[in-house]
Amino acid sequence: MTVTLSIKNAPVAVVQRLKLRAQRHRRSLQGELLALIEAASREEAAGLLGPEEVVAAARAAGIASRGRSAPLIRAMREGRLGAPRR
């Protein structure tokens, strides 16, 4: 079963950027929107952190290295870096 979704009052600039993104991925606007929604729902279901959340978690863990991801990755692997509270 499928459901039809509708986005009302979308700003023209946003729609233009989405159309360009769709062209780059060789998809229709509808296909690009569905791909974005699917990716977002998978990330949410998997509990993945977004870029802002990773930065916040790194700061909370006391990792202040700029441009070096090794300490952050090490902390995540060792379980010293938990998900930030929302």
PDB file of N, CA and C in Angstrom:
ATOM      1  N   MET A   1       0.839  -1.176   0.000  1.00  0.00           N
ATOM      2  CA  MET A   1       0.000   0.000   0.000  1.00  0.00           C
ATOM      3  C   MET A   1       0.887   1.244   0.000  1.00  0.00           C
ATOM      4  N   THR A   2       0.511   2.230  -0.743  1.00  0.00           N
ATOM      5  CA  THR A   2       1.248   3.494  -0.768  1.00  0.00           C
ATOM      6  C   THR A   2       0.352   4.620  -0.291  1.00  0.00           C
ATOM      7  N   VAL A   3       0.984   5.712   0.099  1.00  0.00           N
ATOM      8  CA  VAL A   3       0.280   6.885   0.595  1.00  0.00           C
ATOM      9  C   VAL A   3       0.774   8.087  -0.195  1.00  0.00           C
ATOM     10  N   THR A   4      -0.111   8.994  -0.513  1.00  0.00           N
ATOM     11  CA  THR A   4       0.260  10.218  -1.201  1.00  0.00           C
ATOM     12  C   THR A   4       0.517  11.305  -0.172  1.00  0.00           C
ATOM     13  N   LEU A   5       1.689  11.943  -0.274  1.00  0.00           N
ATOM     14  CA  LEU A   5       2.036  13.045   0.615  1.00  0.00           C
ATOM     15  C   LEU A   5       2.033  14.332  -0.184  1.00  0.00           C
ATOM     16  N   SER A   6       1.805  15.443   0.493  1.00  0.00           N
ATOM     17  CA  SER A   6       1.796  16.737  -0.169  1.00  0.00           C
ATOM     18  C   SER A   6       2.524  17.746   0.705  1.00  0.00           C
ATOM     19  N   ILE A   7       3.365  18.555   0.090  1.00  0.00           N
ATOM     20  CA  ILE A   7       4.052  19.626   0.812  1.00  0.00           C
ATOM     21  C   ILE A   7       3.495  20.939   0.293  1.00  0.00           C
ATOM     22  N   LYS A   8       2.885  21.687   1.180  1.00  0.00           N
ATOM     23  CA  LYS A   8       2.263  22.951   0.781  1.00  0.00           C
ATOM     24  C   LYS A   8       3.167  24.119   1.142  1.00  0.00           C
ATOM     25  N   ASN A   9       3.052  25.169   0.365  1.00  0.00           N
ATOM     26  CA  ASN A   9       3.754  26.431   0.608  1.00  0.00           C
ATOM     27  C   ASN A   9       5.265  26.273   0.645  1.00  0.00           C
ATOM     28  N   ALA A  10       5.810  25.416  -0.195  1.00  0.00           N
ATOM     29  CA  ALA A  10       7.261  25.244  -0.272  1.00  0.00           C
ATOM     30  C   ALA A  10       7.870  26.484  -0.919  1.00  0.00           C
ATOM     31  N   PRO A  11       8.915  27.038  -0.311  1.00  0.00           N
ATOM     32  CA  PRO A  11       9.563  28.214  -0.906  1.00  0.00           C
ATOM     33  C   PRO A  11      10.147  27.871  -2.275  1.00  0.00           C
ATOM     34  N   VAL A  12      10.020  28.803  -3.200  1.00  0.00           N
ATOM     35  CA  VAL A  12      10.484  28.591  -4.571  1.00  0.00           C
ATOM     36  C   VAL A  12      11.971  28.247  -4.589  1.00  0.00           C
ATOM     37  N   ALA A  13      12.774  28.921  -3.788  1.00  0.00           N
ATOM     38  CA  ALA A  13      14.217  28.668  -3.766  1.00  0.00           C
ATOM     39  C   ALA A  13      14.512  27.227  -3.346  1.00  0.00           C
ATOM     40  N   VAL A  14      13.773  26.717  -2.394  1.00  0.00           N
ATOM     41  CA  VAL A  14      13.966  25.335  -1.938  1.00  0.00           C
ATOM     42  C   VAL A  14      13.607  24.367  -3.050  1.00  0.00           C
ATOM     43  N   VAL A  15      12.508  24.619  -3.711  1.00  0.00           N
ATOM     44  CA  VAL A  15      12.068  23.749  -4.804  1.00  0.00           C
ATOM     45  C   VAL A  15      13.102  23.755  -5.928  1.00  0.00           C
ATOM     46  N   GLN A  16      13.655  24.922  -6.239  1.00  0.00           N
ATOM     47  CA  GLN A  16      14.668  25.008  -7.291  1.00  0.00           C
ATOM     48  C   GLN A  16      15.906  24.193  -6.925  1.00  0.00           C
ATOM     49  N   ARG A  17      16.344  24.303  -5.665  1.00  0.00           N
ATOM     50  CA  ARG A  17      17.506  23.527  -5.230  1.00  0.00           C
ATOM     51  C   ARG A  17      17.219  22.031  -5.274  1.00  0.00           C
ATOM     52  N   LEU A  18      16.013  21.631  -4.900  1.00  0.00           N
ATOM     53  CA  LEU A  18      15.647  20.221  -4.960  1.00  0.00           C
ATOM     54  C   LEU A  18      15.604  19.710  -6.395  1.00  0.00           C
ATOM     55  N   LYS A  19      15.129  20.542  -7.302  1.00  0.00           N
ATOM     56  CA  LYS A  19      15.108  20.149  -8.719  1.00  0.00           C
ATOM     57  C   LYS A  19      16.523  19.951  -9.250  1.00  0.00           C
ATOM     58  N   LEU A  20      17.437  20.841  -8.870  1.00  0.00           N
ATOM     59  CA  LEU A  20      18.836  20.694  -9.289  1.00  0.00           C
ATOM     60  C   LEU A  20      19.451  19.422  -8.708  1.00  0.00           C
ATOM     61  N   ARG A  21      19.138  19.161  -7.449  1.00  0.00           N
ATOM     62  CA  ARG A  21      19.631  17.939  -6.802  1.00  0.00           C
ATOM     63  C   ARG A  21      19.092  16.711  -7.527  1.00  0.00           C
ATOM     64  N   ALA A  22      17.823  16.734  -7.882  1.00  0.00           N
ATOM     65  CA  ALA A  22      17.210  15.617  -8.603  1.00  0.00           C
ATOM     66  C   ALA A  22      17.902  15.404  -9.941  1.00  0.00           C
ATOM     67  N   GLN A  23      18.197  16.483 -10.634  1.00  0.00           N
ATOM     68  CA  GLN A  23      18.896  16.372 -11.924  1.00  0.00           C
ATOM     69  C   GLN A  23      20.264  15.729 -11.743  1.00  0.00           C
ATOM     70  N   ARG A  24      20.997  16.144 -10.699  1.00  0.00           N
ATOM     71  CA  ARG A  24      22.327  15.580 -10.451  1.00  0.00           C
ATOM     72  C   ARG A  24      22.249  14.079 -10.192  1.00  0.00           C
ATOM     73  N   HIS A  25      21.177  13.650  -9.557  1.00  0.00           N
ATOM     74  CA  HIS A  25      21.005  12.223  -9.251  1.00  0.00           C
ATOM     75  C   HIS A  25      20.223  11.480 -10.332  1.00  0.00           C
ATOM     76  N   ARG A  26      19.921  12.192 -11.417  1.00  0.00           N
ATOM     77  CA  ARG A  26      19.188  11.617 -12.552  1.00  0.00           C
ATOM     78  C   ARG A  26      17.842  11.015 -12.113  1.00  0.00           C
ATOM     79  N   ARG A  27      17.121  11.817 -11.317  1.00  0.00           N
ATOM     80  CA  ARG A  27      15.802  11.412 -10.849  1.00  0.00           C
ATOM     81  C   ARG A  27      14.811  12.538 -11.108  1.00  0.00           C
ATOM     82  N   SER A  28      13.548  12.186 -11.047  1.00  0.00           N
ATOM     83  CA  SER A  28      12.507  13.210 -11.071  1.00  0.00           C
ATOM     84  C   SER A  28      12.482  13.890  -9.708  1.00  0.00           C
ATOM     85  N   LEU A  29      11.817  15.020  -9.615  1.00  0.00           N
ATOM     86  CA  LEU A  29      11.674  15.691  -8.327  1.00  0.00           C
ATOM     87  C   LEU A  29      10.990  14.758  -7.337  1.00  0.00           C
ATOM     88  N   GLN A  30       9.956  14.073  -7.797  1.00  0.00           N
ATOM     89  CA  GLN A  30       9.233  13.132  -6.942  1.00  0.00           C
ATOM     90  C   GLN A  30      10.164  12.014  -6.454  1.00  0.00           C
ATOM     91  N   GLY A  31      10.991  11.492  -7.359  1.00  0.00           N
ATOM     92  CA  GLY A  31      11.934  10.438  -6.989  1.00  0.00           C
ATOM     93  C   GLY A  31      12.970  10.924  -5.997  1.00  0.00           C
ATOM     94  N   GLU A  32      13.434  12.153  -6.175  1.00  0.00           N
ATOM     95  CA  GLU A  32      14.421  12.718  -5.253  1.00  0.00           C
ATOM     96  C   GLU A  32      13.819  12.924  -3.873  1.00  0.00           C
ATOM     97  N   LEU A  33      12.599  13.432  -3.817  1.00  0.00           N
ATOM     98  CA  LEU A  33      11.936  13.632  -2.526  1.00  0.00           C
ATOM     99  C   LEU A  33      11.739  12.310  -1.806  1.00  0.00           C
ATOM    100  N   LEU A  34      11.328  11.282  -2.536  1.00  0.00           N
ATOM    101  CA  LEU A  34      11.141   9.973  -1.920  1.00  0.00           C
ATOM    102  C   LEU A  34      12.473   9.425  -1.413  1.00  0.00           C
ATOM    103  N   ALA A  35      13.551   9.601  -2.183  1.00  0.00           N
ATOM    104  CA  ALA A  35      14.872   9.135  -1.757  1.00  0.00           C
ATOM    105  C   ALA A  35      15.310   9.844  -0.475  1.00  0.00           C
ATOM    106  N   LEU A  36      15.070  11.156  -0.389  1.00  0.00           N
ATOM    107  CA  LEU A  36      15.422  11.912   0.813  1.00  0.00           C
ATOM    108  C   LEU A  36      14.617  11.443   2.018  1.00  0.00           C
ATOM    109  N   ILE A  37      13.331  11.210   1.824  1.00  0.00           N
ATOM    110  CA  ILE A  37      12.477  10.752   2.925  1.00  0.00           C
ATOM    111  C   ILE A  37      12.898   9.356   3.379  1.00  0.00           C
ATOM    112  N   GLU A  38      13.205   8.468   2.426  1.00  0.00           N
ATOM    113  CA  GLU A  38      13.641   7.122   2.782  1.00  0.00           C
ATOM    114  C   GLU A  38      14.948   7.161   3.566  1.00  0.00           C
ATOM    115  N   ALA A  39      15.907   7.969   3.116  1.00  0.00           N
ATOM    116  CA  ALA A  39      17.190   8.072   3.811  1.00  0.00           C
ATOM    117  C   ALA A  39      17.006   8.616   5.222  1.00  0.00           C
ATOM    118  N   ALA A  40      16.191   9.647   5.356  1.00  0.00           N
ATOM    119  CA  ALA A  40      15.947  10.232   6.675  1.00  0.00           C
ATOM    120  C   ALA A  40      15.276   9.239   7.607  1.00  0.00           C
ATOM    121  N   SER A  41      14.346   8.459   7.097  1.00  0.00           N
ATOM    122  CA  SER A  41      13.654   7.500   7.958  1.00  0.00           C
ATOM    123  C   SER A  41      14.579   6.355   8.356  1.00  0.00           C
ATOM    124  N   ARG A  42      15.492   5.949   7.458  1.00  0.00           N
ATOM    125  CA  ARG A  42      16.461   4.898   7.807  1.00  0.00           C
ATOM    126  C   ARG A  42      17.413   5.395   8.881  1.00  0.00           C
ATOM    127  N   GLU A  43      17.903   6.629   8.745  1.00  0.00           N
ATOM    128  CA  GLU A  43      18.814   7.191   9.739  1.00  0.00           C
ATOM    129  C   GLU A  43      18.143   7.285  11.097  1.00  0.00           C
ATOM    130  N   GLU A  44      16.917   7.750  11.108  1.00  0.00           N
ATOM    131  CA  GLU A  44      16.176   7.879  12.369  1.00  0.00           C
ATOM    132  C   GLU A  44      15.973   6.513  13.011  1.00  0.00           C
ATOM    133  N   ALA A  45      15.598   5.526  12.192  1.00  0.00           N
ATOM    134  CA  ALA A  45      15.359   4.182  12.710  1.00  0.00           C
ATOM    135  C   ALA A  45      16.647   3.556  13.234  1.00  0.00           C
ATOM    136  N   ALA A  46      17.774   3.883  12.599  1.00  0.00           N
ATOM    137  CA  ALA A  46      19.056   3.308  13.009  1.00  0.00           C
ATOM    138  C   ALA A  46      19.679   4.080  14.168  1.00  0.00           C
ATOM    139  N   GLY A  47      19.091   5.218  14.514  1.00  0.00           N
ATOM    140  CA  GLY A  47      19.622   6.016  15.613  1.00  0.00           C
ATOM    141  C   GLY A  47      20.921   6.724  15.249  1.00  0.00           C
ATOM    142  N   LEU A  48      21.132   6.987  13.962  1.00  0.00           N
ATOM    143  CA  LEU A  48      22.360   7.645  13.534  1.00  0.00           C
ATOM    144  C   LEU A  48      22.339   9.113  13.945  1.00  0.00           C
ATOM    145  N   LEU A  49      23.514   9.627  14.233  1.00  0.00           N
ATOM    146  CA  LEU A  49      23.642  11.023  14.607  1.00  0.00           C
ATOM    147  C   LEU A  49      23.902  11.871  13.373  1.00  0.00           C
ATOM    148  N   GLY A  50      23.320  13.053  13.350  1.00  0.00           N
ATOM    149  CA  GLY A  50      23.604  14.011  12.290  1.00  0.00           C
ATOM    150  C   GLY A  50      24.872  14.777  12.625  1.00  0.00           C
ATOM    151  N   PRO A  51      25.370  15.578  11.691  1.00  0.00           N
ATOM    152  CA  PRO A  51      26.619  16.309  11.924  1.00  0.00           C
ATOM    153  C   PRO A  51      26.597  17.181  13.179  1.00  0.00           C
ATOM    154  N   GLU A  52      25.508  17.890  13.403  1.00  0.00           N
ATOM    155  CA  GLU A  52      25.429  18.753  14.578  1.00  0.00           C
ATOM    156  C   GLU A  52      25.453  17.931  15.858  1.00  0.00           C
ATOM    157  N   GLU A  53      24.802  16.775  15.830  1.00  0.00           N
ATOM    158  CA  GLU A  53      24.776  15.914  17.010  1.00  0.00           C
ATOM    159  C   GLU A  53      26.146  15.306  17.289  1.00  0.00           C
ATOM    160  N   VAL A  54      26.889  14.979  16.238  1.00  0.00           N
ATOM    161  CA  VAL A  54      28.235  14.442  16.424  1.00  0.00           C
ATOM    162  C   VAL A  54      29.137  15.490  17.066  1.00  0.00           C
ATOM    163  N   VAL A  55      29.057  16.723  16.575  1.00  0.00           N
ATOM    164  CA  VAL A  55      29.863  17.804  17.138  1.00  0.00           C
ATOM    165  C   VAL A  55      29.492  18.026  18.605  1.00  0.00           C
ATOM    166  N   ALA A  56      28.201  18.061  18.904  1.00  0.00           N
ATOM    167  CA  ALA A  56      27.764  18.258  20.292  1.00  0.00           C
ATOM    168  C   ALA A  56      28.247  17.126  21.180  1.00  0.00           C
ATOM    169  N   ALA A  57      28.169  15.899  20.696  1.00  0.00           N
ATOM    170  CA  ALA A  57      28.612  14.747  21.486  1.00  0.00           C
ATOM    171  C   ALA A  57      30.122  14.797  21.705  1.00  0.00           C
ATOM    172  N   ALA A  58      30.869  15.215  20.695  1.00  0.00           N
ATOM    173  CA  ALA A  58      32.326  15.319  20.830  1.00  0.00           C
ATOM    174  C   ALA A  58      32.689  16.376  21.862  1.00  0.00           C
ATOM    175  N   ARG A  59      32.007  17.508  21.804  1.00  0.00           N
ATOM    176  CA  ARG A  59      32.278  18.570  22.786  1.00  0.00           C
ATOM    177  C   ARG A  59      31.927  18.113  24.196  1.00  0.00           C
ATOM    178  N   ALA A  60      30.799  17.401  24.317  1.00  0.00           N
ATOM    179  CA  ALA A  60      30.384  16.899  25.634  1.00  0.00           C
ATOM    180  C   ALA A  60      31.390  15.893  26.186  1.00  0.00           C
ATOM    181  N   ALA A  61      32.072  15.165  25.296  1.00  0.00           N
ATOM    182  CA  ALA A  61      33.060  14.178  25.715  1.00  0.00           C
ATOM    183  C   ALA A  61      34.433  14.808  25.933  1.00  0.00           C
ATOM    184  N   GLY A  62      34.543  16.111  25.708  1.00  0.00           N
ATOM    185  CA  GLY A  62      35.806  16.807  25.924  1.00  0.00           C
ATOM    186  C   GLY A  62      36.786  16.679  24.781  1.00  0.00           C
ATOM    187  N   ILE A  63      36.319  16.288  23.618  1.00  0.00           N
ATOM    188  CA  ILE A  63      37.195  16.163  22.454  1.00  0.00           C
ATOM    189  C   ILE A  63      37.190  17.499  21.728  1.00  0.00           C
ATOM    190  N   ALA A  64      38.334  18.176  21.726  1.00  0.00           N
ATOM    191  CA  ALA A  64      38.402  19.512  21.151  1.00  0.00           C
ATOM    192  C   ALA A  64      39.278  19.565  19.913  1.00  0.00           C
ATOM    193  N   SER A  65      39.636  18.441  19.364  1.00  0.00           N
ATOM    194  CA  SER A  65      40.505  18.392  18.194  1.00  0.00           C
ATOM    195  C   SER A  65      39.779  18.944  16.975  1.00  0.00           C
ATOM    196  N   ARG A  66      40.397  19.886  16.298  1.00  0.00           N
ATOM    197  CA  ARG A  66      39.809  20.456  15.087  1.00  0.00           C
ATOM    198  C   ARG A  66      40.464  19.798  13.874  1.00  0.00           C
ATOM    199  N   GLY A  67      39.625  19.285  12.990  1.00  0.00           N
ATOM    200  CA  GLY A  67      40.140  18.704  11.767  1.00  0.00           C
ATOM    201  C   GLY A  67      40.728  17.314  11.927  1.00  0.00           C
ATOM    202  N   ARG A  68      40.644  16.751  13.107  1.00  0.00           N
ATOM    203  CA  ARG A  68      41.174  15.413  13.330  1.00  0.00           C
ATOM    204  C   ARG A  68      40.064  14.547  13.875  1.00  0.00           C
ATOM    205  N   SER A  69      39.689  13.551  13.133  1.00  0.00           N
ATOM    206  CA  SER A  69      38.557  12.714  13.520  1.00  0.00           C
ATOM    207  C   SER A  69      38.952  11.507  14.343  1.00  0.00           C
ATOM    208  N   ALA A  70      40.233  11.170  14.403  1.00  0.00           N
ATOM    209  CA  ALA A  70      40.664   9.958  15.104  1.00  0.00           C
ATOM    210  C   ALA A  70      40.204   9.905  16.566  1.00  0.00           C
ATOM    211  N   PRO A  71      40.374  10.982  17.358  1.00  0.00           N
ATOM    212  CA  PRO A  71      39.920  10.898  18.754  1.00  0.00           C
ATOM    213  C   PRO A  71      38.406  10.670  18.873  1.00  0.00           C
ATOM    214  N   LEU A  72      37.646  11.289  17.991  1.00  0.00           N
ATOM    215  CA  LEU A  72      36.199  11.124  18.017  1.00  0.00           C
ATOM    216  C   LEU A  72      35.817   9.680  17.675  1.00  0.00           C
ATOM    217  N   ILE A  73      36.412   9.149  16.620  1.00  0.00           N
ATOM    218  CA  ILE A  73      36.109   7.775  16.215  1.00  0.00           C
ATOM    219  C   ILE A  73      36.536   6.796  17.303  1.00  0.00           C
ATOM    220  N   ARG A  74      37.714   7.014  17.894  1.00  0.00           N
ATOM    221  CA  ARG A  74      38.192   6.147  18.972  1.00  0.00           C
ATOM    222  C   ARG A  74      37.222   6.166  20.156  1.00  0.00           C
ATOM    223  N   ALA A  75      36.758   7.351  20.537  1.00  0.00           N
ATOM    224  CA  ALA A  75      35.822   7.468  21.664  1.00  0.00           C
ATOM    225  C   ALA A  75      34.510   6.764  21.348  1.00  0.00           C
ATOM    226  N   MET A  76      34.050   6.884  20.117  1.00  0.00           N
ATOM    227  CA  MET A  76      32.800   6.221  19.741  1.00  0.00           C
ATOM    228  C   MET A  76      32.966   4.712  19.782  1.00  0.00           C
ATOM    229  N   ARG A  77      34.080   4.207  19.276  1.00  0.00           N
ATOM    230  CA  ARG A  77      34.317   2.761  19.265  1.00  0.00           C
ATOM    231  C   ARG A  77      34.464   2.194  20.661  1.00  0.00           C
ATOM    232  N   GLU A  78      35.067   2.972  21.543  1.00  0.00           N
ATOM    233  CA  GLU A  78      35.290   2.508  22.914  1.00  0.00           C
ATOM    234  C   GLU A  78      34.060   2.707  23.799  1.00  0.00           C
ATOM    235  N   GLY A  79      33.020   3.282  23.239  1.00  0.00           N
ATOM    236  CA  GLY A  79      31.785   3.471  23.992  1.00  0.00           C
ATOM    237  C   GLY A  79      31.828   4.627  24.968  1.00  0.00           C
ATOM    238  N   ARG A  80      32.849   5.473  24.867  1.00  0.00           N
ATOM    239  CA  ARG A  80      32.933   6.615  25.763  1.00  0.00           C
ATOM    240  C   ARG A  80      32.092   7.787  25.285  1.00  0.00           C
ATOM    241  N   LEU A  81      31.564   7.682  24.091  1.00  0.00           N
ATOM    242  CA  LEU A  81      30.816   8.790  23.487  1.00  0.00           C
ATOM    243  C   LEU A  81      29.383   8.337  23.271  1.00  0.00           C
ATOM    244  N   GLY A  82      28.502   8.761  24.151  1.00  0.00           N
ATOM    245  CA  GLY A  82      27.100   8.395  24.016  1.00  0.00           C
ATOM    246  C   GLY A  82      26.351   9.390  23.153  1.00  0.00           C
ATOM    247  N   ALA A  83      25.158   9.029  22.776  1.00  0.00           N
ATOM    248  CA  ALA A  83      24.314   9.925  21.991  1.00  0.00           C
ATOM    249  C   ALA A  83      23.912  11.114  22.837  1.00  0.00           C
ATOM    250  N   PRO A  84      23.921  12.318  22.265  1.00  0.00           N
ATOM    251  CA  PRO A  84      23.511  13.502  23.020  1.00  0.00           C
ATOM    252  C   PRO A  84      22.036  13.446  23.375  1.00  0.00           C
ATOM    253  N   ARG A  85      21.705  14.079  24.458  1.00  0.00           N
ATOM    254  CA  ARG A  85      20.302  14.149  24.871  1.00  0.00           C
ATOM    255  C   ARG A  85      19.583  15.168  24.016  1.00  0.00           C
ATOM    256  N   ARG A  86      18.348  14.825  23.684  1.00  0.00           N
ATOM    257  CA  ARG A  86      17.554  15.743  22.850  1.00  0.00           C
ATOM    258  C   ARG A  86      16.545  16.470  23.674  1.00  0.00           C
TER     259      ARG A  86
END
